[in-house]
Amino acid sequence: MDNAYPYASYQLAYWYATWYDEVMSPRSTANRGRTAAATPRRVPWGTISREQVVAAATRVVKRGGYETMTIRSLATDLGVAPMSLYRHVRDKDDLLDEVVDRLLAKAWQPSASSADWQAWVAEAAEKLRSFLTDQPAALHVYLQHPVVSPAAIERMNAMMDVFRNVTVDEEVARRAYAAIHTYTLGFAALEASRSGWMPTNDESIGLAEELAGYVTPAQFSAGLRYLLEGIEREVRGTRARVGAELSRATQRRSSRQR
């Protein structure tokens, strides 16, 4: 028992020295100060808004970091708890939908006059293709589900109005819009997926490079031109058919009047 007391005294002395070094020493106090300074302070409860959340997500998307963006990382950027963001957004997909919609609203409108319907539609399609390939988050959203956000609906209605002006059949206008829209989305998806492709030194390199040329902006314009020419032919055929039907109806009325 006598030998136990010195050991206990040494242990108490060790614990005290350790406690003083970690808690009470000037060095420990300085470290705590630096840690507190490095830790972002939480903003007061209720001061964060949906607009701030969307703005923070937009900055991340513009930097090309949408894939690694999480609700937690945005909360850290904004200085709030992650659960605070769920008062304003449903989830990451909900947030991306709004971010993409706001970016699309600034990017889709053509400068060409709608009086030249082919030039207007071609520019609208090219702007969407460019937007989707420049903004990976936008392509992600468009490939994930049908986009019915305000800017997307505004764009669709504007294109439908242009097609209605050059056709006399609502169904033709819808088919024309669908053809241009799906071609644009599909081309953008293929172009984006192959953006990092590099040729290798093998015997099929020539063919591979030729196939790679099928997903360039120039090829998109060429394919779009074929589509527009096809739509133009259908429009002329529809007009001729409707004109013939009107002519026959006029003749029948004239015959009855006689």
Foldseek 3Di string as FASTA:
>chain_A
DVVVVVVVVVVVVVVVVVCCVCPPDPVNVVVVVVVVVPQDAADDPPPDALVNLLVLQLVCQLVVNLVVDFLCVSCRVNRHHSVSCCVHAVGSLRSLLVSLLVVLLVFQADPDDLVPVLVRLLSNLLSVLVSCLSGVSNLVNVVPDPRDDPSVVVSLVVQLVSLVVLAVDSVLSVVLSVVSVVLSSVLSVVLNVCVPDDADPDPCRVVVVVVNVCNDSVNSSVVSVVSVVVSNVVRVVRVVVVVVVVVVVVVVVVVVVD
